[in-house]
Amino acid sequence: MKKLVIVLLLFSINVALMAQPSDLIIHAENGKLFLKHIVEPKENLYSIGRLYNISPKEIVPVNGLTISSGLEIGQEIKVPLLQANFVQRGSAAADEVFVPLYHVVEQKEGLFRIGQNYNKVSINDLKTWNSLSSESINIGEMLVVGFLRVKTNQSAFASKGIKRINGSVAKAPVSAPPVVTQTENPAVAVTAKPVEEPAVKTEVIVQNTSAQHNQEGTGFFRDSYREQAASFNAFKSEMGDAAIFKSTSGWQDGKYYALMNNITPGTIVRITNTGNRRIIFAKVLGELPPGKENEGLLIRISNAAAAELKINDKEPKFPAEVAYAKDRR
């Protein structure tokens, strides 16, 4: 049991180290820039402040908290981007690195408009940071627009940092399938619909595409599921109760995870919400930990997976169907 707990703890740490940097997407509200952080076990305002190189006194006012406020696991915290922790020029100090921060391209956005929204950063800088040969960008593409200044010995993000802002940065995965290739000049924009089409028609198309996509299932591991299916000669399907566990992964990259007994770790499973027939694909990390709260459960899935299945995370259990490829031997 101790070994299992250690494995799960190491996985949680590993997910936090690997997944969160790709989730460093900048948000804006009333002209103020901030990041979103989901509170993990044992975190408080001070540990979050160290992670993002900012004083807790700067965090509390934008979240309606006080310096003595307790935090709940899964609580969303806004982390301000200020002069102390947000940079777009220069070299890091000996004990610091700069971690890329991203903007998700929206409809009718070009490099000029995006740059204006992030301290008027130049088009040339955006092209350099993102290895762009032209001003063409895709809806859903994640562009580097600035950098988080962090201490190397205090932040888990430091492993993805650079010492100097003077070249291209590794690109983040696209957060949504590209729909439009566009440039700042509307005359040369290539769109799926003429630009004069009413916005409401575009929204209907996107909604219908999303619904059809989920009937086929969503998630980073969907193709891996198909590969496993081709490698084995049988399928097994089980029905039962499912529950949720907290994880920082999956919110942007669709990497969903699960805990399930009698399944080889690394197996990709297809999980169907039997209430609405929504489907996701998740990788099994290991068995369900022993304990009363897991008695009778078929599977536990990450909270990002539950959100994609439209499961209320306040529900202790929900019915699910789990299918996976299995060798007959």
C-alpha atoms as a PDB file:
ATOM      1  CA  MET A   1       0.000   0.000   0.000  1.00  0.00           C
ATOM      2  CA  LYS A   2       2.844   2.381   0.852  1.00  0.00           C
ATOM      3  CA  LYS A   3       4.385   1.664  -2.552  1.00  0.00           C
ATOM      4  CA  LEU A   4       1.115   2.499  -4.314  1.00  0.00           C
ATOM      5  CA  VAL A   5       0.728   5.756  -2.398  1.00  0.00           C
ATOM      6  CA  ILE A   6       4.289   6.739  -3.314  1.00  0.00           C
ATOM      7  CA  VAL A   7       3.668   5.944  -6.984  1.00  0.00           C
ATOM      8  CA  LEU A   8       0.511   8.064  -7.042  1.00  0.00           C
ATOM      9  CA  LEU A   9       2.258  10.901  -5.228  1.00  0.00           C
ATOM     10  CA  LEU A  10       5.132  10.847  -7.705  1.00  0.00           C
ATOM     11  CA  PHE A  11       2.656  10.840 -10.578  1.00  0.00           C
ATOM     12  CA  SER A  12       0.861  13.867  -9.135  1.00  0.00           C
ATOM     13  CA  ILE A  13       4.137  15.739  -8.873  1.00  0.00           C
ATOM     14  CA  ASN A  14       5.140  14.672 -12.368  1.00  0.00           C
ATOM     15  CA  VAL A  15       1.839  15.832 -13.852  1.00  0.00           C
ATOM     16  CA  ALA A  16       2.220  19.191 -12.116  1.00  0.00           C
ATOM     17  CA  LEU A  17       5.733  19.564 -13.523  1.00  0.00           C
ATOM     18  CA  MET A  18       4.926  18.475 -17.071  1.00  0.00           C
ATOM     19  CA  ALA A  19       1.385  19.605 -17.721  1.00  0.00           C
ATOM     20  CA  GLN A  20       1.132  23.013 -16.146  1.00  0.00           C
ATOM     21  CA  PRO A  21       3.726  24.854 -18.269  1.00  0.00           C
ATOM     22  CA  SER A  22       1.753  24.053 -21.430  1.00  0.00           C
ATOM     23  CA  ASP A  23      -1.308  25.397 -19.610  1.00  0.00           C
ATOM     24  CA  LEU A  24       0.242  28.836 -18.927  1.00  0.00           C
ATOM     25  CA  ILE A  25      -2.339  30.699 -20.960  1.00  0.00           C
ATOM     26  CA  ILE A  26      -2.771  34.415 -20.309  1.00  0.00           C
ATOM     27  CA  HIS A  27      -6.250  35.743 -19.542  1.00  0.00           C
ATOM     28  CA  ALA A  28      -7.397  39.352 -19.371  1.00  0.00           C
ATOM     29  CA  GLU A  29     -10.054  41.137 -17.359  1.00  0.00           C
ATOM     30  CA  ASN A  30     -10.591  44.902 -17.265  1.00  0.00           C
ATOM     31  CA  GLY A  31      -7.268  45.383 -18.997  1.00  0.00           C
ATOM     32  CA  LYS A  32      -5.365  43.353 -16.388  1.00  0.00           C
ATOM     33  CA  LEU A  33      -3.425  40.222 -17.354  1.00  0.00           C
ATOM     34  CA  PHE A  34      -3.442  37.100 -15.205  1.00  0.00           C
ATOM     35  CA  LEU A  35      -2.945  33.328 -15.183  1.00  0.00           C
ATOM     36  CA  LYS A  36      -5.328  30.741 -13.730  1.00  0.00           C
ATOM     37  CA  HIS A  37      -4.076  28.285 -11.125  1.00  0.00           C
ATOM     38  CA  ILE A  38      -6.021  25.283  -9.783  1.00  0.00           C
ATOM     39  CA  VAL A  39      -5.212  24.676  -6.123  1.00  0.00           C
ATOM     40  CA  GLU A  40      -3.521  21.339  -5.433  1.00  0.00           C
ATOM     41  CA  PRO A  41      -3.302  19.470  -2.092  1.00  0.00           C
ATOM     42  CA  LYS A  42      -1.138  21.198   0.553  1.00  0.00           C
ATOM     43  CA  GLU A  43      -0.915  24.448  -1.437  1.00  0.00           C
ATOM     44  CA  ASN A  44      -1.463  27.869   0.121  1.00  0.00           C
ATOM     45  CA  LEU A  45      -1.083  31.481  -0.962  1.00  0.00           C
ATOM     46  CA  TYR A  46       2.615  31.480  -0.132  1.00  0.00           C
ATOM     47  CA  SER A  47       3.479  28.334  -2.107  1.00  0.00           C
ATOM     48  CA  ILE A  48       1.441  29.596  -5.080  1.00  0.00           C
ATOM     49  CA  GLY A  49       3.239  32.929  -4.820  1.00  0.00           C
ATOM     50  CA  ARG A  50       6.620  31.180  -4.983  1.00  0.00           C
ATOM     51  CA  LEU A  51       5.476  29.159  -7.994  1.00  0.00           C
ATOM     52  CA  TYR A  52       4.639  32.315  -9.963  1.00  0.00           C
ATOM     53  CA  ASN A  53       7.229  34.621  -8.364  1.00  0.00           C
ATOM     54  CA  ILE A  54       4.702  37.013  -6.890  1.00  0.00           C
ATOM     55  CA  SER A  55       3.810  38.156  -3.389  1.00  0.00           C
ATOM     56  CA  PRO A  56       0.626  36.709  -1.848  1.00  0.00           C
ATOM     57  CA  LYS A  57      -0.360  40.325  -1.150  1.00  0.00           C
ATOM     58  CA  GLU A  58      -0.729  40.784  -4.917  1.00  0.00           C
ATOM     59  CA  ILE A  59      -2.854  37.642  -5.269  1.00  0.00           C
ATOM     60  CA  VAL A  60      -5.469  38.238  -2.577  1.00  0.00           C
ATOM     61  CA  PRO A  61      -7.179  41.426  -3.870  1.00  0.00           C
ATOM     62  CA  VAL A  62      -7.928  40.037  -7.351  1.00  0.00           C
ATOM     63  CA  ASN A  63      -9.477  36.922  -5.805  1.00  0.00           C
ATOM     64  CA  GLY A  64     -11.525  38.564  -3.037  1.00  0.00           C
ATOM     65  CA  LEU A  65      -9.400  36.874  -0.374  1.00  0.00           C
ATOM     66  CA  THR A  66      -7.441  37.924   2.676  1.00  0.00           C
ATOM     67  CA  ILE A  67      -3.859  36.989   3.468  1.00  0.00           C
ATOM     68  CA  SER A  68      -5.139  34.497   6.053  1.00  0.00           C
ATOM     69  CA  SER A  69      -7.722  32.863   3.766  1.00  0.00           C
ATOM     70  CA  GLY A  70      -7.624  29.100   3.505  1.00  0.00           C
ATOM     71  CA  LEU A  71      -7.779  27.515   0.060  1.00  0.00           C
ATOM     72  CA  GLU A  72      -9.770  24.518  -1.157  1.00  0.00           C
ATOM     73  CA  ILE A  73      -8.424  21.777  -3.427  1.00  0.00           C
ATOM     74  CA  GLY A  74      -9.641  22.473  -6.958  1.00  0.00           C
ATOM     75  CA  GLN A  75     -10.247  26.172  -6.257  1.00  0.00           C
ATOM     76  CA  GLU A  76      -9.371  28.479  -9.162  1.00  0.00           C
ATOM     77  CA  ILE A  77      -6.984  31.314  -8.315  1.00  0.00           C
ATOM     78  CA  LYS A  78      -6.168  34.290 -10.531  1.00  0.00           C
ATOM     79  CA  VAL A  79      -2.440  35.048 -10.518  1.00  0.00           C
ATOM     80  CA  PRO A  80      -1.670  38.622 -11.671  1.00  0.00           C
ATOM     81  CA  LEU A  81       1.033  39.262 -14.241  1.00  0.00           C
ATOM     82  CA  LEU A  82       2.924  42.334 -13.089  1.00  0.00           C
ATOM     83  CA  GLN A  83       6.281  43.949 -13.717  1.00  0.00           C
ATOM     84  CA  ALA A  84       7.885  41.624 -11.155  1.00  0.00           C
ATOM     85  CA  ASN A  85       6.941  38.391 -12.919  1.00  0.00           C
ATOM     86  CA  PHE A  86       6.020  39.261 -16.536  1.00  0.00           C
ATOM     87  CA  VAL A  87       8.778  40.067 -19.046  1.00  0.00           C
ATOM     88  CA  GLN A  88       9.155  40.435 -22.806  1.00  0.00           C
ATOM     89  CA  ARG A  89      12.766  41.613 -23.002  1.00  0.00           C
ATOM     90  CA  GLY A  90      16.214  40.905 -21.604  1.00  0.00           C
ATOM     91  CA  SER A  91      18.190  38.209 -19.836  1.00  0.00           C
ATOM     92  CA  ALA A  92      17.348  36.367 -16.623  1.00  0.00           C
ATOM     93  CA  ALA A  93      19.351  36.817 -13.429  1.00  0.00           C
ATOM     94  CA  ALA A  94      21.616  33.988 -12.279  1.00  0.00           C
ATOM     95  CA  ASP A  95      18.868  32.488 -10.079  1.00  0.00           C
ATOM     96  CA  GLU A  96      16.009  33.024 -12.564  1.00  0.00           C
ATOM     97  CA  VAL A  97      14.609  31.769 -15.866  1.00  0.00           C
ATOM     98  CA  PHE A  98      11.884  32.992 -18.222  1.00  0.00           C
ATOM     99  CA  VAL A  99       8.995  30.566 -18.886  1.00  0.00           C
ATOM    100  CA  PRO A 100       6.884  31.027 -22.082  1.00  0.00           C
ATOM    101  CA  LEU A 101       3.320  32.279 -21.653  1.00  0.00           C
ATOM    102  CA  TYR A 102       0.692  31.712 -24.320  1.00  0.00           C
ATOM    103  CA  HIS A 103      -2.265  33.322 -26.042  1.00  0.00           C
ATOM    104  CA  VAL A 104      -4.884  31.174 -27.796  1.00  0.00           C
ATOM    105  CA  VAL A 105      -5.711  32.698 -31.179  1.00  0.00           C
ATOM    106  CA  GLU A 106      -9.365  33.627 -31.590  1.00  0.00           C
ATOM    107  CA  GLN A 107     -11.440  34.368 -34.669  1.00  0.00           C
ATOM    108  CA  LYS A 108     -10.475  37.482 -36.678  1.00  0.00           C
ATOM    109  CA  GLU A 109      -7.263  37.991 -34.682  1.00  0.00           C
ATOM    110  CA  GLY A 110      -3.969  38.802 -36.381  1.00  0.00           C
ATOM    111  CA  LEU A 111      -0.478  39.298 -35.024  1.00  0.00           C
ATOM    112  CA  PHE A 112      -0.839  43.068 -34.848  1.00  0.00           C
ATOM    113  CA  ARG A 113      -3.981  42.967 -32.723  1.00  0.00           C
ATOM    114  CA  ILE A 114      -2.555  40.263 -30.455  1.00  0.00           C
ATOM    115  CA  GLY A 115       0.642  42.253 -29.974  1.00  0.00           C
ATOM    116  CA  GLN A 116      -1.308  45.380 -29.051  1.00  0.00           C
ATOM    117  CA  ASN A 117      -3.137  43.455 -26.319  1.00  0.00           C
ATOM    118  CA  TYR A 118       0.139  42.330 -24.733  1.00  0.00           C
ATOM    119  CA  ASN A 119       2.038  45.545 -24.025  1.00  0.00           C
ATOM    120  CA  LYS A 120       2.263  46.397 -27.728  1.00  0.00           C
ATOM    121  CA  VAL A 121       4.795  43.663 -28.440  1.00  0.00           C
ATOM    122  CA  SER A 122       5.968  43.860 -32.055  1.00  0.00           C
ATOM    123  CA  ILE A 123       4.926  41.550 -34.874  1.00  0.00           C
ATOM    124  CA  ASN A 124       8.589  40.709 -35.435  1.00  0.00           C
ATOM    125  CA  ASP A 125       8.973  39.534 -31.830  1.00  0.00           C
ATOM    126  CA  LEU A 126       5.874  37.360 -32.102  1.00  0.00           C
ATOM    127  CA  LYS A 127       7.165  35.842 -35.342  1.00  0.00           C
ATOM    128  CA  THR A 128      10.592  35.201 -33.811  1.00  0.00           C
ATOM    129  CA  TRP A 129       9.319  33.648 -30.579  1.00  0.00           C
ATOM    130  CA  ASN A 130       6.911  31.391 -32.470  1.00  0.00           C
ATOM    131  CA  SER A 131       9.136  30.515 -35.476  1.00  0.00           C
ATOM    132  CA  LEU A 132       6.633  32.034 -37.912  1.00  0.00           C
ATOM    133  CA  SER A 133       7.742  32.656 -41.492  1.00  0.00           C
ATOM    134  CA  SER A 134       4.683  34.802 -42.245  1.00  0.00           C
ATOM    135  CA  GLU A 135       1.828  36.534 -40.446  1.00  0.00           C
ATOM    136  CA  SER A 136      -0.577  33.644 -41.089  1.00  0.00           C
ATOM    137  CA  ILE A 137      -1.922  32.084 -37.894  1.00  0.00           C
ATOM    138  CA  ASN A 138      -4.627  29.531 -37.070  1.00  0.00           C
ATOM    139  CA  ILE A 139      -7.612  29.806 -34.784  1.00  0.00           C
ATOM    140  CA  GLY A 140      -6.852  27.736 -31.703  1.00  0.00           C
ATOM    141  CA  GLU A 141      -3.074  28.071 -32.135  1.00  0.00           C
ATOM    142  CA  MET A 142      -1.107  28.841 -28.966  1.00  0.00           C
ATOM    143  CA  LEU A 143       1.322  31.719 -29.464  1.00  0.00           C
ATOM    144  CA  VAL A 144       4.086  32.791 -27.100  1.00  0.00           C
ATOM    145  CA  VAL A 145       3.312  36.428 -26.162  1.00  0.00           C
ATOM    146  CA  GLY A 146       5.518  36.909 -23.102  1.00  0.00           C
ATOM    147  CA  PHE A 147       7.388  35.162 -20.317  1.00  0.00           C
ATOM    148  CA  LEU A 148       6.933  34.379 -16.636  1.00  0.00           C
ATOM    149  CA  ARG A 149       9.989  35.295 -14.563  1.00  0.00           C
ATOM    150  CA  VAL A 150      10.499  32.585 -11.906  1.00  0.00           C
ATOM    151  CA  LYS A 151      13.171  31.549  -9.411  1.00  0.00           C
ATOM    152  CA  THR A 152      14.926  28.347 -10.448  1.00  0.00           C
ATOM    153  CA  ASN A 153      14.913  26.910  -6.926  1.00  0.00           C
ATOM    154  CA  GLN A 154      11.311  27.835  -6.083  1.00  0.00           C
ATOM    155  CA  SER A 155       9.128  27.101  -9.123  1.00  0.00           C
ATOM    156  CA  ALA A 156       8.232  23.818 -10.826  1.00  0.00           C
ATOM    157  CA  PHE A 157       7.900  25.805 -14.055  1.00  0.00           C
ATOM    158  CA  ALA A 158      11.630  26.542 -14.095  1.00  0.00           C
ATOM    159  CA  SER A 159      12.449  23.338 -15.988  1.00  0.00           C
ATOM    160  CA  LYS A 160      10.765  24.836 -19.082  1.00  0.00           C
ATOM    161  CA  GLY A 161      12.507  28.211 -18.777  1.00  0.00           C
ATOM    162  CA  ILE A 162      15.079  30.007 -20.894  1.00  0.00           C
ATOM    163  CA  LYS A 163      17.833  32.396 -19.839  1.00  0.00           C
ATOM    164  CA  ARG A 164      17.468  35.042 -22.538  1.00  0.00           C
ATOM    165  CA  ILE A 165      14.690  36.303 -24.789  1.00  0.00           C
ATOM    166  CA  ASN A 166      16.414  36.386 -28.153  1.00  0.00           C
ATOM    167  CA  GLY A 167      15.060  33.622 -30.353  1.00  0.00           C
ATOM    168  CA  SER A 168      12.376  31.063 -31.067  1.00  0.00           C
ATOM    169  CA  VAL A 169      10.637  29.150 -28.286  1.00  0.00           C
ATOM    170  CA  ALA A 170       9.286  25.580 -28.407  1.00  0.00           C
ATOM    171  CA  LYS A 171       5.691  25.780 -29.544  1.00  0.00           C
ATOM    172  CA  ALA A 172       2.792  24.569 -27.405  1.00  0.00           C
ATOM    173  CA  PRO A 173       0.317  22.073 -28.879  1.00  0.00           C
ATOM    174  CA  VAL A 174      -2.649  23.524 -30.751  1.00  0.00           C
ATOM    175  CA  SER A 175      -5.551  23.702 -28.295  1.00  0.00           C
ATOM    176  CA  ALA A 176      -8.254  23.223 -30.911  1.00  0.00           C
ATOM    177  CA  PRO A 177      -8.408  21.957 -34.513  1.00  0.00           C
ATOM    178  CA  PRO A 178      -7.463  24.809 -36.868  1.00  0.00           C
ATOM    179  CA  VAL A 179     -10.593  26.254 -38.456  1.00  0.00           C
ATOM    180  CA  VAL A 180      -9.279  29.346 -40.204  1.00  0.00           C
ATOM    181  CA  THR A 181      -5.915  30.419 -41.571  1.00  0.00           C
ATOM    182  CA  GLN A 182      -5.856  34.191 -41.351  1.00  0.00           C
ATOM    183  CA  THR A 183      -3.555  37.183 -41.688  1.00  0.00           C
ATOM    184  CA  GLU A 184      -3.875  40.739 -40.453  1.00  0.00           C
ATOM    185  CA  ASN A 185      -4.985  41.800 -43.944  1.00  0.00           C
ATOM    186  CA  PRO A 186      -8.659  40.795 -44.445  1.00  0.00           C
ATOM    187  CA  ALA A 187      -8.177  40.907 -48.210  1.00  0.00           C
ATOM    188  CA  VAL A 188      -5.929  37.839 -48.114  1.00  0.00           C
ATOM    189  CA  ALA A 189      -7.590  36.010 -45.255  1.00  0.00           C
ATOM    190  CA  VAL A 190      -8.596  32.428 -46.117  1.00  0.00           C
ATOM    191  CA  THR A 191     -11.746  31.528 -44.217  1.00  0.00           C
ATOM    192  CA  ALA A 192     -14.168  28.630 -44.126  1.00  0.00           C
ATOM    193  CA  LYS A 193     -17.021  31.101 -44.697  1.00  0.00           C
ATOM    194  CA  PRO A 194     -17.096  34.558 -46.332  1.00  0.00           C
ATOM    195  CA  VAL A 195     -16.307  37.245 -43.788  1.00  0.00           C
ATOM    196  CA  GLU A 196     -19.731  38.853 -44.264  1.00  0.00           C
ATOM    197  CA  GLU A 197     -21.510  35.730 -43.008  1.00  0.00           C
ATOM    198  CA  PRO A 198     -23.470  36.475 -39.802  1.00  0.00           C
ATOM    199  CA  ALA A 199     -21.610  35.351 -36.678  1.00  0.00           C
ATOM    200  CA  VAL A 200     -24.555  33.275 -35.535  1.00  0.00           C
ATOM    201  CA  LYS A 201     -24.147  30.935 -38.500  1.00  0.00           C
ATOM    202  CA  THR A 202     -20.506  30.350 -37.660  1.00  0.00           C
ATOM    203  CA  GLU A 203     -21.435  29.490 -34.077  1.00  0.00           C
ATOM    204  CA  VAL A 204     -23.969  26.910 -35.219  1.00  0.00           C
ATOM    205  CA  ILE A 205     -21.355  25.220 -37.397  1.00  0.00           C
ATOM    206  CA  VAL A 206     -18.838  25.061 -34.558  1.00  0.00           C
ATOM    207  CA  GLN A 207     -21.402  23.623 -32.156  1.00  0.00           C
ATOM    208  CA  ASN A 208     -22.461  20.940 -34.595  1.00  0.00           C
ATOM    209  CA  THR A 209     -18.824  20.003 -35.301  1.00  0.00           C
ATOM    210  CA  SER A 210     -18.131  19.696 -31.577  1.00  0.00           C
ATOM    211  CA  ALA A 211     -21.151  17.481 -30.996  1.00  0.00           C
ATOM    212  CA  GLN A 212     -20.163  15.178 -33.836  1.00  0.00           C
ATOM    213  CA  HIS A 213     -16.558  15.107 -32.587  1.00  0.00           C
ATOM    214  CA  ASN A 214     -17.626  13.922 -29.139  1.00  0.00           C
ATOM    215  CA  GLN A 215     -19.717  11.118 -30.570  1.00  0.00           C
ATOM    216  CA  GLU A 216     -16.404   9.770 -31.855  1.00  0.00           C
ATOM    217  CA  GLY A 217     -14.718  10.555 -28.553  1.00  0.00           C
ATOM    218  CA  THR A 218     -12.233  13.225 -27.528  1.00  0.00           C
ATOM    219  CA  GLY A 219      -8.875  13.361 -25.836  1.00  0.00           C
ATOM    220  CA  PHE A 220      -5.159  13.257 -26.613  1.00  0.00           C
ATOM    221  CA  PHE A 221      -5.074   9.446 -26.308  1.00  0.00           C
ATOM    222  CA  ARG A 222      -7.810   8.705 -28.877  1.00  0.00           C
ATOM    223  CA  ASP A 223      -5.363   7.671 -31.602  1.00  0.00           C
ATOM    224  CA  SER A 224      -3.381   5.581 -29.096  1.00  0.00           C
ATOM    225  CA  TYR A 225      -6.590   3.700 -28.259  1.00  0.00           C
ATOM    226  CA  ARG A 226      -6.993   2.813 -31.919  1.00  0.00           C
ATOM    227  CA  GLU A 227      -3.365   1.683 -32.133  1.00  0.00           C
ATOM    228  CA  GLN A 228      -3.834  -0.596 -29.126  1.00  0.00           C
ATOM    229  CA  ALA A 229      -7.024  -1.947 -30.651  1.00  0.00           C
ATOM    230  CA  ALA A 230      -5.083  -2.909 -33.777  1.00  0.00           C
ATOM    231  CA  SER A 231      -2.439  -4.694 -31.679  1.00  0.00           C
ATOM    232  CA  PHE A 232      -4.824  -6.927 -29.747  1.00  0.00           C
ATOM    233  CA  ASN A 233      -7.496  -9.331 -30.874  1.00  0.00           C
ATOM    234  CA  ALA A 234     -10.330  -8.742 -28.410  1.00  0.00           C
ATOM    235  CA  PHE A 235     -12.302  -6.035 -26.674  1.00  0.00           C
ATOM    236  CA  LYS A 236     -13.805  -5.970 -23.218  1.00  0.00           C
ATOM    237  CA  SER A 237     -16.540  -3.654 -22.019  1.00  0.00           C
ATOM    238  CA  GLU A 238     -17.614  -3.117 -18.410  1.00  0.00           C
ATOM    239  CA  MET A 239     -20.409  -1.099 -16.789  1.00  0.00           C
ATOM    240  CA  GLY A 240     -20.215   0.330 -13.294  1.00  0.00           C
ATOM    241  CA  ASP A 241     -19.829   3.310 -11.008  1.00  0.00           C
ATOM    242  CA  ALA A 242     -17.142   5.892 -11.684  1.00  0.00           C
ATOM    243  CA  ALA A 243     -15.737   8.714  -9.578  1.00  0.00           C
ATOM    244  CA  ILE A 244     -13.289  11.604  -9.977  1.00  0.00           C
ATOM    245  CA  PHE A 245      -9.809  12.485  -8.762  1.00  0.00           C
ATOM    246  CA  LYS A 246      -8.088  15.876  -8.961  1.00  0.00           C
ATOM    247  CA  SER A 247      -5.367  16.475 -11.539  1.00  0.00           C
ATOM    248  CA  THR A 248      -3.841  19.515 -13.227  1.00  0.00           C
ATOM    249  CA  SER A 249      -3.597  17.669 -16.535  1.00  0.00           C
ATOM    250  CA  GLY A 250      -6.028  17.652 -19.415  1.00  0.00           C
ATOM    251  CA  TRP A 251      -7.567  21.093 -19.227  1.00  0.00           C
ATOM    252  CA  GLN A 252      -5.739  22.348 -22.297  1.00  0.00           C
ATOM    253  CA  ASP A 253      -4.103  19.328 -23.904  1.00  0.00           C
ATOM    254  CA  GLY A 254      -6.853  16.722 -23.459  1.00  0.00           C
ATOM    255  CA  LYS A 255      -4.537  14.296 -21.655  1.00  0.00           C
ATOM    256  CA  TYR A 256      -7.038  12.424 -19.482  1.00  0.00           C
ATOM    257  CA  TYR A 257      -6.021   9.811 -16.884  1.00  0.00           C
ATOM    258  CA  ALA A 258      -7.735   7.038 -14.941  1.00  0.00           C
ATOM    259  CA  LEU A 259      -7.256   4.587 -12.074  1.00  0.00           C
ATOM    260  CA  MET A 260      -8.720   1.109 -12.565  1.00  0.00           C
ATOM    261  CA  ASN A 261      -8.119  -2.332 -11.090  1.00  0.00           C
ATOM    262  CA  ASN A 262      -6.962  -5.333 -13.117  1.00  0.00           C
ATOM    263  CA  ILE A 263      -5.780  -3.190 -16.023  1.00  0.00           C
ATOM    264  CA  THR A 264      -2.172  -2.947 -17.172  1.00  0.00           C
ATOM    265  CA  PRO A 265      -0.844   0.590 -16.547  1.00  0.00           C
ATOM    266  CA  GLY A 266      -0.534   2.438 -19.825  1.00  0.00           C
ATOM    267  CA  THR A 267      -3.684   0.896 -21.298  1.00  0.00           C
ATOM    268  CA  ILE A 268      -5.945   3.414 -23.046  1.00  0.00           C
ATOM    269  CA  VAL A 269      -9.622   3.040 -22.170  1.00  0.00           C
ATOM    270  CA  ARG A 270     -12.733   4.464 -23.782  1.00  0.00           C
ATOM    271  CA  ILE A 271     -15.091   5.914 -21.181  1.00  0.00           C
ATOM    272  CA  THR A 272     -18.712   6.660 -22.003  1.00  0.00           C
ATOM    273  CA  ASN A 273     -21.064   8.713 -19.845  1.00  0.00           C
ATOM    274  CA  THR A 274     -24.128   6.482 -20.138  1.00  0.00           C
ATOM    275  CA  GLY A 275     -26.385   9.425 -19.339  1.00  0.00           C
ATOM    276  CA  ASN A 276     -25.526  11.532 -22.389  1.00  0.00           C
ATOM    277  CA  ARG A 277     -23.306   9.150 -24.445  1.00  0.00           C
ATOM    278  CA  ARG A 278     -20.349  11.536 -24.414  1.00  0.00           C
ATOM    279  CA  ILE A 279     -17.019   9.714 -24.842  1.00  0.00           C
ATOM    280  CA  ILE A 280     -13.433  10.398 -23.787  1.00  0.00           C
ATOM    281  CA  PHE A 281     -10.208   8.387 -23.945  1.00  0.00           C
ATOM    282  CA  ALA A 282      -7.927   8.102 -20.902  1.00  0.00           C
ATOM    283  CA  LYS A 283      -4.662   6.410 -19.969  1.00  0.00           C
ATOM    284  CA  VAL A 284      -4.731   4.068 -16.957  1.00  0.00           C
ATOM    285  CA  LEU A 285      -2.022   4.979 -14.446  1.00  0.00           C
ATOM    286  CA  GLY A 286      -2.545   2.155 -11.976  1.00  0.00           C
ATOM    287  CA  GLU A 287      -5.006   0.526  -9.636  1.00  0.00           C
ATOM    288  CA  LEU A 288      -7.542   2.199  -7.378  1.00  0.00           C
ATOM    289  CA  PRO A 289      -5.974   2.840  -3.962  1.00  0.00           C
ATOM    290  CA  PRO A 290      -7.386   0.624  -1.222  1.00  0.00           C
ATOM    291  CA  GLY A 291      -9.960   2.274   1.010  1.00  0.00           C
ATOM    292  CA  LYS A 292     -13.642   2.562   1.712  1.00  0.00           C
ATOM    293  CA  GLU A 293     -14.108   5.444  -0.728  1.00  0.00           C
ATOM    294  CA  ASN A 294     -13.092   3.164  -3.631  1.00  0.00           C
ATOM    295  CA  GLU A 295     -15.122   0.088  -2.686  1.00  0.00           C
ATOM    296  CA  GLY A 296     -17.444  -0.895  -5.515  1.00  0.00           C
ATOM    297  CA  LEU A 297     -15.945   1.590  -7.990  1.00  0.00           C
ATOM    298  CA  LEU A 298     -15.135   0.516 -11.528  1.00  0.00           C
ATOM    299  CA  ILE A 299     -12.882   3.479 -12.297  1.00  0.00           C
ATOM    300  CA  ARG A 300     -11.742   6.951 -11.229  1.00  0.00           C
ATOM    301  CA  ILE A 301     -11.054   9.595 -13.880  1.00  0.00           C
ATOM    302  CA  SER A 302      -9.325  12.969 -13.766  1.00  0.00           C
ATOM    303  CA  ASN A 303     -11.523  16.009 -13.210  1.00  0.00           C
ATOM    304  CA  ALA A 304     -10.722  17.392 -16.680  1.00  0.00           C
ATOM    305  CA  ALA A 305     -12.044  14.138 -18.169  1.00  0.00           C
ATOM    306  CA  ALA A 306     -15.180  14.425 -16.049  1.00  0.00           C
ATOM    307  CA  ALA A 307     -15.710  17.985 -17.256  1.00  0.00           C
ATOM    308  CA  GLU A 308     -15.526  16.818 -20.893  1.00  0.00           C
ATOM    309  CA  LEU A 309     -18.113  14.138 -20.079  1.00  0.00           C
ATOM    310  CA  LYS A 310     -20.309  16.874 -18.553  1.00  0.00           C
ATOM    311  CA  ILE A 311     -20.156  15.314 -15.107  1.00  0.00           C
ATOM    312  CA  ASN A 312     -20.837  17.515 -12.096  1.00  0.00           C
ATOM    313  CA  ASP A 313     -17.683  17.209  -9.973  1.00  0.00           C
ATOM    314  CA  LYS A 314     -19.843  17.467  -6.844  1.00  0.00           C
ATOM    315  CA  GLU A 315     -21.425  14.111  -7.631  1.00  0.00           C
ATOM    316  CA  PRO A 316     -19.713  11.313  -5.634  1.00  0.00           C
ATOM    317  CA  LYS A 317     -20.416   8.696  -8.338  1.00  0.00           C
ATOM    318  CA  PHE A 318     -21.820   8.429 -11.848  1.00  0.00           C
ATOM    319  CA  PRO A 319     -22.600   5.468 -14.147  1.00  0.00           C
ATOM    320  CA  ALA A 320     -20.092   4.772 -16.903  1.00  0.00           C
ATOM    321  CA  GLU A 321     -19.164   2.229 -19.552  1.00  0.00           C
ATOM    322  CA  VAL A 322     -15.459   1.394 -19.947  1.00  0.00           C
ATOM    323  CA  ALA A 323     -14.092  -0.393 -23.019  1.00  0.00           C
ATOM    324  CA  TYR A 324     -10.524  -1.413 -23.774  1.00  0.00           C
ATOM    325  CA  ALA A 325      -8.494  -3.691 -26.037  1.00  0.00           C
ATOM    326  CA  LYS A 326      -7.390  -6.988 -24.523  1.00  0.00           C
ATOM    327  CA  ASP A 327      -5.345  -9.955 -25.682  1.00  0.00           C
ATOM    328  CA  ARG A 328      -7.271 -13.269 -25.575  1.00  0.00           C
ATOM    329  CA  ARG A 329      -4.257 -15.122 -24.211  1.00  0.00           C
END
